Amino acid sequence: MNNKRGIVVLYGIMLGMVIVILALALAPAVSVFTDNARAVTVGDTLGMNCVYTNNISTFVRAACIATDMTLFYFVSFLILLGGAVVTAKMVFGGEEQ
C-alpha cells in the first residue's frame, strides 16, 4: 500500500475508540469504588463516613469532596486522551513516500 497516512489515521481512530470504550467500561467500577470509600465503615470495609458531614474534620470533608470528583476526572481524562490519540494520528500521521 502506498497510502501509509490513511492507514495510520485509521489505526489512530481505532486506538482512540478503544480508549473511549475503556473509559466508559471502567466508569461503573470507579463509581462503586468511590461510593464504598465515601460510605460508613462496615466490618472490614473502611469508609470516610461522608454521609454525616456535621461531625467530621475539615480534612476528611476535603477528602470526601476530592473522592466524589474522582469519577468525573477519571472518565473525562480517558475520553480526552482518546481524542488526543485520534487528533495526533491525524496531524502527525504516516509519511508519504
PDB file of N, CA and C in Angstrom:
ATOM      1  N   MET A   1       0.836  -1.176   0.000  1.00  0.00           N
ATOM      2  CA  MET A   1       0.000   0.000   0.000  1.00  0.00           C
ATOM      3  C   MET A   1       0.880   1.238   0.000  1.00  0.00           C
ATOM      4  N   ASN A   2       0.544   2.175  -0.827  1.00  0.00           N
ATOM      5  CA  ASN A   2       1.298   3.410  -0.909  1.00  0.00           C
ATOM      6  C   ASN A   2       0.768   4.489   0.022  1.00  0.00           C
ATOM      7  N   ASN A   3      -0.441   4.362   0.486  1.00  0.00           N
ATOM      8  CA  ASN A   3      -1.055   5.401   1.299  1.00  0.00           C
ATOM      9  C   ASN A   3      -0.894   5.069   2.782  1.00  0.00           C
ATOM     10  N   LYS A   4       0.313   5.304   3.315  1.00  0.00           N
ATOM     11  CA  LYS A   4       0.588   4.995   4.714  1.00  0.00           C
ATOM     12  C   LYS A   4      -0.132   5.954   5.650  1.00  0.00           C
ATOM     13  N   ARG A   5      -0.341   7.182   5.225  1.00  0.00           N
ATOM     14  CA  ARG A   5      -1.007   8.167   6.083  1.00  0.00           C
ATOM     15  C   ARG A   5      -2.450   7.759   6.367  1.00  0.00           C
ATOM     16  N   GLY A   6      -3.144   7.235   5.392  1.00  0.00           N
ATOM     17  CA  GLY A   6      -4.522   6.786   5.592  1.00  0.00           C
ATOM     18  C   GLY A   6      -4.607   5.615   6.550  1.00  0.00           C
ATOM     19  N   ILE A   7      -3.645   4.705   6.473  1.00  0.00           N
ATOM     20  CA  ILE A   7      -3.628   3.560   7.375  1.00  0.00           C
ATOM     21  C   ILE A   7      -3.334   4.014   8.801  1.00  0.00           C
ATOM     22  N   VAL A   8      -2.417   4.960   8.964  1.00  0.00           N
ATOM     23  CA  VAL A   8      -2.081   5.467  10.295  1.00  0.00           C
ATOM     24  C   VAL A   8      -3.271   6.207  10.898  1.00  0.00           C
ATOM     25  N   VAL A   9      -3.985   6.984  10.106  1.00  0.00           N
ATOM     26  CA  VAL A   9      -5.166   7.698  10.600  1.00  0.00           C
ATOM     27  C   VAL A   9      -6.240   6.692  11.012  1.00  0.00           C
ATOM     28  N   LEU A  10      -6.460   5.662  10.218  1.00  0.00           N
ATOM     29  CA  LEU A  10      -7.440   4.637  10.556  1.00  0.00           C
ATOM     30  C   LEU A  10      -7.037   3.912  11.842  1.00  0.00           C
ATOM     31  N   TYR A  11      -5.761   3.603  12.000  1.00  0.00           N
ATOM     32  CA  TYR A  11      -5.267   2.977  13.225  1.00  0.00           C
ATOM     33  C   TYR A  11      -5.454   3.908  14.421  1.00  0.00           C
ATOM     34  N   GLY A  12      -5.221   5.191  14.233  1.00  0.00           N
ATOM     35  CA  GLY A  12      -5.406   6.164  15.308  1.00  0.00           C
ATOM     36  C   GLY A  12      -6.848   6.269  15.743  1.00  0.00           C
ATOM     37  N   ILE A  13      -7.766   6.240  14.789  1.00  0.00           N
ATOM     38  CA  ILE A  13      -9.189   6.282  15.127  1.00  0.00           C
ATOM     39  C   ILE A  13      -9.583   5.031  15.905  1.00  0.00           C
ATOM     40  N   MET A  14      -9.083   3.877  15.488  1.00  0.00           N
ATOM     41  CA  MET A  14      -9.397   2.644  16.212  1.00  0.00           C
ATOM     42  C   MET A  14      -8.820   2.670  17.622  1.00  0.00           C
ATOM     43  N   LEU A  15      -7.594   3.135  17.776  1.00  0.00           N
ATOM     44  CA  LEU A  15      -6.960   3.200  19.089  1.00  0.00           C
ATOM     45  C   LEU A  15      -7.682   4.191  19.994  1.00  0.00           C
ATOM     46  N   GLY A  16      -8.082   5.331  19.444  1.00  0.00           N
ATOM     47  CA  GLY A  16      -8.841   6.312  20.218  1.00  0.00           C
ATOM     48  C   GLY A  16     -10.182   5.768  20.658  1.00  0.00           C
ATOM     49  N   MET A  17     -10.861   5.031  19.797  1.00  0.00           N
ATOM     50  CA  MET A  17     -12.150   4.444  20.166  1.00  0.00           C
ATOM     51  C   MET A  17     -11.989   3.385  21.251  1.00  0.00           C
ATOM     52  N   VAL A  18     -10.903   2.631  21.215  1.00  0.00           N
ATOM     53  CA  VAL A  18     -10.643   1.643  22.269  1.00  0.00           C
ATOM     54  C   VAL A  18     -10.472   2.340  23.610  1.00  0.00           C
ATOM     55  N   ILE A  19      -9.766   3.461  23.637  1.00  0.00           N
ATOM     56  CA  ILE A  19      -9.564   4.194  24.887  1.00  0.00           C
ATOM     57  C   ILE A  19     -10.881   4.766  25.393  1.00  0.00           C
ATOM     58  N   VAL A  20     -11.714   5.298  24.523  1.00  0.00           N
ATOM     59  CA  VAL A  20     -13.008   5.844  24.929  1.00  0.00           C
ATOM     60  C   VAL A  20     -13.929   4.732  25.449  1.00  0.00           C
ATOM     61  N   ILE A  21     -13.958   3.596  24.771  1.00  0.00           N
ATOM     62  CA  ILE A  21     -14.780   2.471  25.227  1.00  0.00           C
ATOM     63  C   ILE A  21     -14.267   1.941  26.560  1.00  0.00           C
ATOM     64  N   LEU A  22     -12.944   1.912  26.739  1.00  0.00           N
ATOM     65  CA  LEU A  22     -12.367   1.504  28.020  1.00  0.00           C
ATOM     66  C   LEU A  22     -12.789   2.455  29.137  1.00  0.00           C
ATOM     67  N   ALA A  23     -12.823   3.744  28.854  1.00  0.00           N
ATOM     68  CA  ALA A  23     -13.261   4.726  29.858  1.00  0.00           C
ATOM     69  C   ALA A  23     -14.704   4.487  30.252  1.00  0.00           C
ATOM     70  N   LEU A  24     -15.562   4.239  29.276  1.00  0.00           N
ATOM     71  CA  LEU A  24     -16.971   4.006  29.579  1.00  0.00           C
ATOM     72  C   LEU A  24     -17.193   2.664  30.266  1.00  0.00           C
ATOM     73  N   ALA A  25     -16.338   1.683  29.990  1.00  0.00           N
ATOM     74  CA  ALA A  25     -16.474   0.383  30.642  1.00  0.00           C
ATOM     75  C   ALA A  25     -15.984   0.420  32.084  1.00  0.00           C
ATOM     76  N   LEU A  26     -14.987   1.239  32.371  1.00  0.00           N
ATOM     77  CA  LEU A  26     -14.453   1.320  33.733  1.00  0.00           C
ATOM     78  C   LEU A  26     -15.223   2.280  34.625  1.00  0.00           C
ATOM     79  N   ALA A  27     -16.102   3.079  34.067  1.00  0.00           N
ATOM     80  CA  ALA A  27     -16.849   4.070  34.852  1.00  0.00           C
ATOM     81  C   ALA A  27     -17.691   3.439  35.969  1.00  0.00           C
ATOM     82  N   PRO A  28     -18.425   2.350  35.736  1.00  0.00           N
ATOM     83  CA  PRO A  28     -19.183   1.772  36.854  1.00  0.00           C
ATOM     84  C   PRO A  28     -18.296   1.237  37.975  1.00  0.00           C
ATOM     85  N   ALA A  29     -17.159   0.658  37.643  1.00  0.00           N
ATOM     86  CA  ALA A  29     -16.247   0.151  38.676  1.00  0.00           C
ATOM     87  C   ALA A  29     -15.675   1.293  39.512  1.00  0.00           C
ATOM     88  N   VAL A  30     -15.324   2.394  38.878  1.00  0.00           N
ATOM     89  CA  VAL A  30     -14.821   3.556  39.610  1.00  0.00           C
ATOM     90  C   VAL A  30     -15.927   4.152  40.468  1.00  0.00           C
ATOM     91  N   SER A  31     -17.151   4.140  39.974  1.00  0.00           N
ATOM     92  CA  SER A  31     -18.281   4.646  40.749  1.00  0.00           C
ATOM     93  C   SER A  31     -18.511   3.816  42.012  1.00  0.00           C
ATOM     94  N   VAL A  32     -18.435   2.504  41.903  1.00  0.00           N
ATOM     95  CA  VAL A  32     -18.594   1.637  43.072  1.00  0.00           C
ATOM     96  C   VAL A  32     -17.458   1.874  44.062  1.00  0.00           C
ATOM     97  N   PHE A  33     -16.248   2.025  43.556  1.00  0.00           N
ATOM     98  CA  PHE A  33     -15.099   2.279  44.424  1.00  0.00           C
ATOM     99  C   PHE A  33     -15.267   3.580  45.205  1.00  0.00           C
ATOM    100  N   THR A  34     -15.687   4.640  44.539  1.00  0.00           N
ATOM    101  CA  THR A  34     -15.859   5.913  45.235  1.00  0.00           C
ATOM    102  C   THR A  34     -17.036   5.870  46.200  1.00  0.00           C
ATOM    103  N   ASP A  35     -18.093   5.157  45.845  1.00  0.00           N
ATOM    104  CA  ASP A  35     -19.221   5.023  46.773  1.00  0.00           C
ATOM    105  C   ASP A  35     -18.816   4.275  48.036  1.00  0.00           C
ATOM    106  N   ASN A  36     -18.005   3.226  47.885  1.00  0.00           N
ATOM    107  CA  ASN A  36     -17.523   2.488  49.047  1.00  0.00           C
ATOM    108  C   ASN A  36     -16.572   3.326  49.892  1.00  0.00           C
ATOM    109  N   ALA A  37     -15.753   4.148  49.256  1.00  0.00           N
ATOM    110  CA  ALA A  37     -14.813   4.981  50.008  1.00  0.00           C
ATOM    111  C   ALA A  37     -15.534   6.074  50.785  1.00  0.00           C
ATOM    112  N   ARG A  38     -16.655   6.556  50.281  1.00  0.00           N
ATOM    113  CA  ARG A  38     -17.388   7.629  50.942  1.00  0.00           C
ATOM    114  C   ARG A  38     -18.414   7.109  51.948  1.00  0.00           C
ATOM    115  N   ALA A  39     -18.659   5.812  51.982  1.00  0.00           N
ATOM    116  CA  ALA A  39     -19.696   5.253  52.845  1.00  0.00           C
ATOM    117  C   ALA A  39     -19.221   5.133  54.290  1.00  0.00           C
ATOM    118  N   VAL A  40     -20.109   4.641  55.115  1.00  0.00           N
ATOM    119  CA  VAL A  40     -19.810   4.416  56.527  1.00  0.00           C
ATOM    120  C   VAL A  40     -18.962   3.148  56.662  1.00  0.00           C
ATOM    121  N   THR A  41     -18.077   3.098  57.642  1.00  0.00           N
ATOM    122  CA  THR A  41     -17.265   1.918  57.892  1.00  0.00           C
ATOM    123  C   THR A  41     -18.161   0.775  58.359  1.00  0.00           C
ATOM    124  N   VAL A  42     -18.088  -0.349  57.625  1.00  0.00           N
ATOM    125  CA  VAL A  42     -18.890  -1.524  57.954  1.00  0.00           C
ATOM    126  C   VAL A  42     -17.982  -2.745  57.886  1.00  0.00           C
ATOM    127  N   GLY A  43     -17.783  -3.414  58.995  1.00  0.00           N
ATOM    128  CA  GLY A  43     -16.970  -4.629  59.017  1.00  0.00           C
ATOM    129  C   GLY A  43     -15.542  -4.346  58.614  1.00  0.00           C
ATOM    130  N   ASP A  44     -15.092  -5.046  57.559  1.00  0.00           N
ATOM    131  CA  ASP A  44     -13.720  -4.874  57.068  1.00  0.00           C
ATOM    132  C   ASP A  44     -13.589  -3.738  56.071  1.00  0.00           C
ATOM    133  N   THR A  45     -14.686  -3.181  55.623  1.00  0.00           N
ATOM    134  CA  THR A  45     -14.658  -2.107  54.637  1.00  0.00           C
ATOM    135  C   THR A  45     -14.554  -0.762  55.346  1.00  0.00           C
ATOM    136  N   LEU A  46     -13.448  -0.082  55.134  1.00  0.00           N
ATOM    137  CA  LEU A  46     -13.252   1.224  55.755  1.00  0.00           C
ATOM    138  C   LEU A  46     -13.847   2.314  54.878  1.00  0.00           C
ATOM    139  N   GLY A  47     -14.587   3.206  55.481  1.00  0.00           N
ATOM    140  CA  GLY A  47     -15.185   4.320  54.768  1.00  0.00           C
ATOM    141  C   GLY A  47     -14.900   5.624  55.492  1.00  0.00           C
ATOM    142  N   MET A  48     -15.108   6.730  54.797  1.00  0.00           N
ATOM    143  CA  MET A  48     -14.834   8.047  55.384  1.00  0.00           C
ATOM    144  C   MET A  48     -16.048   8.652  56.065  1.00  0.00           C
ATOM    145  N   ASN A  49     -17.186   7.976  56.015  1.00  0.00           N
ATOM    146  CA  ASN A  49     -18.410   8.450  56.655  1.00  0.00           C
ATOM    147  C   ASN A  49     -18.780   9.844  56.148  1.00  0.00           C
ATOM    148  N   CYS A  50     -18.843   9.989  54.851  1.00  0.00           N
ATOM    149  CA  CYS A  50     -19.154  11.281  54.238  1.00  0.00           C
ATOM    150  C   CYS A  50     -20.635  11.624  54.304  1.00  0.00           C
ATOM    151  N   VAL A  51     -21.459  10.679  54.686  1.00  0.00           N
ATOM    152  CA  VAL A  51     -22.896  10.921  54.739  1.00  0.00           C
ATOM    153  C   VAL A  51     -23.223  11.926  55.836  1.00  0.00           C
ATOM    154  N   TYR A  52     -22.605  11.764  56.976  1.00  0.00           N
ATOM    155  CA  TYR A  52     -22.841  12.658  58.111  1.00  0.00           C
ATOM    156  C   TYR A  52     -21.719  13.677  58.170  1.00  0.00           C
ATOM    157  N   THR A  53     -21.871  14.788  57.481  1.00  0.00           N
ATOM    158  CA  THR A  53     -20.783  15.764  57.369  1.00  0.00           C
ATOM    159  C   THR A  53     -20.726  16.736  58.538  1.00  0.00           C
ATOM    160  N   ASN A  54     -21.606  16.629  59.520  1.00  0.00           N
ATOM    161  CA  ASN A  54     -21.597  17.577  60.631  1.00  0.00           C
ATOM    162  C   ASN A  54     -20.478  17.300  61.632  1.00  0.00           C
ATOM    163  N   ASN A  55     -20.116  16.045  61.818  1.00  0.00           N
ATOM    164  CA  ASN A  55     -19.171  15.714  62.871  1.00  0.00           C
ATOM    165  C   ASN A  55     -17.825  15.205  62.359  1.00  0.00           C
ATOM    166  N   ILE A  56     -17.447  15.541  61.143  1.00  0.00           N
ATOM    167  CA  ILE A  56     -16.140  15.117  60.640  1.00  0.00           C
ATOM    168  C   ILE A  56     -15.236  16.339  60.510  1.00  0.00           C
ATOM    169  N   SER A  57     -13.937  16.069  60.456  1.00  0.00           N
ATOM    170  CA  SER A  57     -12.985  17.174  60.403  1.00  0.00           C
ATOM    171  C   SER A  57     -12.946  17.791  59.008  1.00  0.00           C
ATOM    172  N   THR A  58     -12.272  18.910  58.925  1.00  0.00           N
ATOM    173  CA  THR A  58     -12.150  19.619  57.648  1.00  0.00           C
ATOM    174  C   THR A  58     -11.359  18.796  56.640  1.00  0.00           C
ATOM    175  N   PHE A  59     -10.357  18.055  57.116  1.00  0.00           N
ATOM    176  CA  PHE A  59      -9.527  17.261  56.221  1.00  0.00           C
ATOM    177  C   PHE A  59     -10.311  16.095  55.616  1.00  0.00           C
ATOM    178  N   VAL A  60     -11.132  15.465  56.416  1.00  0.00           N
ATOM    179  CA  VAL A  60     -11.952  14.361  55.914  1.00  0.00           C
ATOM    180  C   VAL A  60     -13.013  14.901  54.961  1.00  0.00           C
ATOM    181  N   ARG A  61     -13.561  16.054  55.257  1.00  0.00           N
ATOM    182  CA  ARG A  61     -14.549  16.673  54.361  1.00  0.00           C
ATOM    183  C   ARG A  61     -13.908  16.994  53.005  1.00  0.00           C
ATOM    184  N   ALA A  62     -12.677  17.504  53.017  1.00  0.00           N
ATOM    185  CA  ALA A  62     -11.963  17.781  51.761  1.00  0.00           C
ATOM    186  C   ALA A  62     -11.672  16.492  51.001  1.00  0.00           C
ATOM    187  N   ALA A  63     -11.312  15.433  51.723  1.00  0.00           N
ATOM    188  CA  ALA A  63     -11.075  14.147  51.079  1.00  0.00           C
ATOM    189  C   ALA A  63     -12.365  13.595  50.485  1.00  0.00           C
ATOM    190  N   CYS A  64     -13.490  13.820  51.161  1.00  0.00           N
ATOM    191  CA  CYS A  64     -14.782  13.372  50.628  1.00  0.00           C
ATOM    192  C   CYS A  64     -15.115  14.093  49.321  1.00  0.00           C
ATOM    193  N   ILE A  65     -14.862  15.380  49.290  1.00  0.00           N
ATOM    194  CA  ILE A  65     -15.140  16.151  48.070  1.00  0.00           C
ATOM    195  C   ILE A  65     -14.214  15.720  46.937  1.00  0.00           C
ATOM    196  N   ALA A  66     -12.933  15.506  47.236  1.00  0.00           N
ATOM    197  CA  ALA A  66     -11.981  15.073  46.203  1.00  0.00           C
ATOM    198  C   ALA A  66     -12.329  13.680  45.689  1.00  0.00           C
ATOM    199  N   THR A  67     -12.749  12.793  46.586  1.00  0.00           N
ATOM    200  CA  THR A  67     -13.132  11.444  46.172  1.00  0.00           C
ATOM    201  C   THR A  67     -14.404  11.477  45.335  1.00  0.00           C
ATOM    202  N   ASP A  68     -15.288  12.378  45.649  1.00  0.00           N
ATOM    203  CA  ASP A  68     -16.533  12.497  44.900  1.00  0.00           C
ATOM    204  C   ASP A  68     -16.278  12.953  43.463  1.00  0.00           C
ATOM    205  N   MET A  69     -15.242  13.736  43.236  1.00  0.00           N
ATOM    206  CA  MET A  69     -14.926  14.225  41.888  1.00  0.00           C
ATOM    207  C   MET A  69     -14.070  13.249  41.090  1.00  0.00           C
ATOM    208  N   THR A  70     -13.673  12.132  41.694  1.00  0.00           N
ATOM    209  CA  THR A  70     -12.785  11.176  41.034  1.00  0.00           C
ATOM    210  C   THR A  70     -13.404  10.612  39.761  1.00  0.00           C
ATOM    211  N   LEU A  71     -14.672  10.250  39.813  1.00  0.00           N
ATOM    212  CA  LEU A  71     -15.317   9.641  38.640  1.00  0.00           C
ATOM    213  C   LEU A  71     -15.298  10.587  37.452  1.00  0.00           C
ATOM    214  N   PHE A  72     -15.651  11.842  37.668  1.00  0.00           N
ATOM    215  CA  PHE A  72     -15.664  12.816  36.579  1.00  0.00           C
ATOM    216  C   PHE A  72     -14.265  12.997  35.994  1.00  0.00           C
ATOM    217  N   TYR A  73     -13.267  13.166  36.853  1.00  0.00           N
ATOM    218  CA  TYR A  73     -11.911  13.391  36.365  1.00  0.00           C
ATOM    219  C   TYR A  73     -11.349  12.174  35.648  1.00  0.00           C
ATOM    220  N   PHE A  74     -11.597  10.989  36.159  1.00  0.00           N
ATOM    221  CA  PHE A  74     -11.064   9.774  35.547  1.00  0.00           C
ATOM    222  C   PHE A  74     -11.654   9.552  34.160  1.00  0.00           C
ATOM    223  N   VAL A  75     -12.982   9.608  34.071  1.00  0.00           N
ATOM    224  CA  VAL A  75     -13.632   9.345  32.786  1.00  0.00           C
ATOM    225  C   VAL A  75     -13.321  10.444  31.781  1.00  0.00           C
ATOM    226  N   SER A  76     -13.354  11.699  32.211  1.00  0.00           N
ATOM    227  CA  SER A  76     -13.066  12.782  31.267  1.00  0.00           C
ATOM    228  C   SER A  76     -11.609  12.758  30.811  1.00  0.00           C
ATOM    229  N   PHE A  77     -10.679  12.376  31.689  1.00  0.00           N
ATOM    230  CA  PHE A  77      -9.275  12.266  31.274  1.00  0.00           C
ATOM    231  C   PHE A  77      -9.102  11.195  30.213  1.00  0.00           C
ATOM    232  N   LEU A  78      -9.727  10.035  30.406  1.00  0.00           N
ATOM    233  CA  LEU A  78      -9.577   8.977  29.409  1.00  0.00           C
ATOM    234  C   LEU A  78     -10.252   9.330  28.084  1.00  0.00           C
ATOM    235  N   ILE A  79     -11.388  10.010  28.130  1.00  0.00           N
ATOM    236  CA  ILE A  79     -12.038  10.423  26.881  1.00  0.00           C
ATOM    237  C   ILE A  79     -11.196  11.468  26.154  1.00  0.00           C
ATOM    238  N   LEU A  80     -10.631  12.412  26.902  1.00  0.00           N
ATOM    239  CA  LEU A  80      -9.739  13.399  26.278  1.00  0.00           C
ATOM    240  C   LEU A  80      -8.474  12.747  25.740  1.00  0.00           C
ATOM    241  N   LEU A  81      -7.971  11.734  26.432  1.00  0.00           N
ATOM    242  CA  LEU A  81      -6.795  11.006  25.940  1.00  0.00           C
ATOM    243  C   LEU A  81      -7.107  10.293  24.632  1.00  0.00           C
ATOM    244  N   GLY A  82      -8.291   9.692  24.533  1.00  0.00           N
ATOM    245  CA  GLY A  82      -8.702   9.058  23.281  1.00  0.00           C
ATOM    246  C   GLY A  82      -8.810  10.065  22.152  1.00  0.00           C
ATOM    247  N   GLY A  83      -9.373  11.241  22.457  1.00  0.00           N
ATOM    248  CA  GLY A  83      -9.441  12.295  21.441  1.00  0.00           C
ATOM    249  C   GLY A  83      -8.071  12.802  21.040  1.00  0.00           C
ATOM    250  N   ALA A  84      -7.151  12.871  21.996  1.00  0.00           N
ATOM    251  CA  ALA A  84      -5.789  13.307  21.683  1.00  0.00           C
ATOM    252  C   ALA A  84      -5.068  12.291  20.800  1.00  0.00           C
ATOM    253  N   VAL A  85      -5.305  11.015  21.035  1.00  0.00           N
ATOM    254  CA  VAL A  85      -4.686   9.985  20.182  1.00  0.00           C
ATOM    255  C   VAL A  85      -5.204  10.097  18.764  1.00  0.00           C
ATOM    256  N   VAL A  86      -6.510  10.270  18.601  1.00  0.00           N
ATOM    257  CA  VAL A  86      -7.086  10.403  17.258  1.00  0.00           C
ATOM    258  C   VAL A  86      -6.535  11.648  16.570  1.00  0.00           C
ATOM    259  N   THR A  87      -6.501  12.767  17.281  1.00  0.00           N
ATOM    260  CA  THR A  87      -6.008  14.017  16.698  1.00  0.00           C
ATOM    261  C   THR A  87      -4.526  13.928  16.341  1.00  0.00           C
ATOM    262  N   ALA A  88      -3.736  13.318  17.229  1.00  0.00           N
ATOM    263  CA  ALA A  88      -2.304  13.207  16.968  1.00  0.00           C
ATOM    264  C   ALA A  88      -2.032  12.322  15.757  1.00  0.00           C
ATOM    265  N   LYS A  89      -2.786  11.263  15.618  1.00  0.00           N
ATOM    266  CA  LYS A  89      -2.578  10.392  14.458  1.00  0.00           C
ATOM    267  C   LYS A  89      -3.006  11.078  13.160  1.00  0.00           C
ATOM    268  N   MET A  90      -3.998  11.957  13.243  1.00  0.00           N
ATOM    269  CA  MET A  90      -4.415  12.670  12.038  1.00  0.00           C
ATOM    270  C   MET A  90      -3.418  13.759  11.669  1.00  0.00           C
ATOM    271  N   VAL A  91      -2.889  14.462  12.661  1.00  0.00           N
ATOM    272  CA  VAL A  91      -1.964  15.561  12.394  1.00  0.00           C
ATOM    273  C   VAL A  91      -0.562  15.040  12.079  1.00  0.00           C
ATOM    274  N   PHE A  92      -0.086  14.108  12.876  1.00  0.00           N
ATOM    275  CA  PHE A  92       1.291  13.610  12.709  1.00  0.00           C
ATOM    276  C   PHE A  92       1.285  12.202  12.143  1.00  0.00           C
ATOM    277  N   GLY A  93       0.423  11.932  11.205  1.00  0.00           N
ATOM    278  CA  GLY A  93       0.256  10.591  10.641  1.00  0.00           C
ATOM    279  C   GLY A  93       1.488  10.129   9.871  1.00  0.00           C
ATOM    280  N   GLY A  94       1.316   9.020   9.144  1.00  0.00           N
ATOM    281  CA  GLY A  94       2.416   8.419   8.405  1.00  0.00           C
ATOM    282  C   GLY A  94       2.945   9.312   7.301  1.00  0.00           C
ATOM    283  N   GLU A  95       4.104   8.989   6.821  1.00  0.00           N
ATOM    284  CA  GLU A  95       4.790   9.776   5.804  1.00  0.00           C
ATOM    285  C   GLU A  95       4.449   9.238   4.424  1.00  0.00           C
ATOM    286  N   GLU A  96       4.259  10.123   3.488  1.00  0.00           N
ATOM    287  CA  GLU A  96       4.056   9.741   2.084  1.00  0.00           C
ATOM    288  C   GLU A  96       5.427   9.472   1.461  1.00  0.00           C
ATOM    289  N   GLN A  97       5.529   8.381   0.734  1.00  0.00           N
ATOM    290  CA  GLN A  97       6.798   8.083   0.056  1.00  0.00           C
ATOM    291  C   GLN A  97       6.565   7.798  -1.395  1.00  0.00           C
TER     292      GLN A  97
END
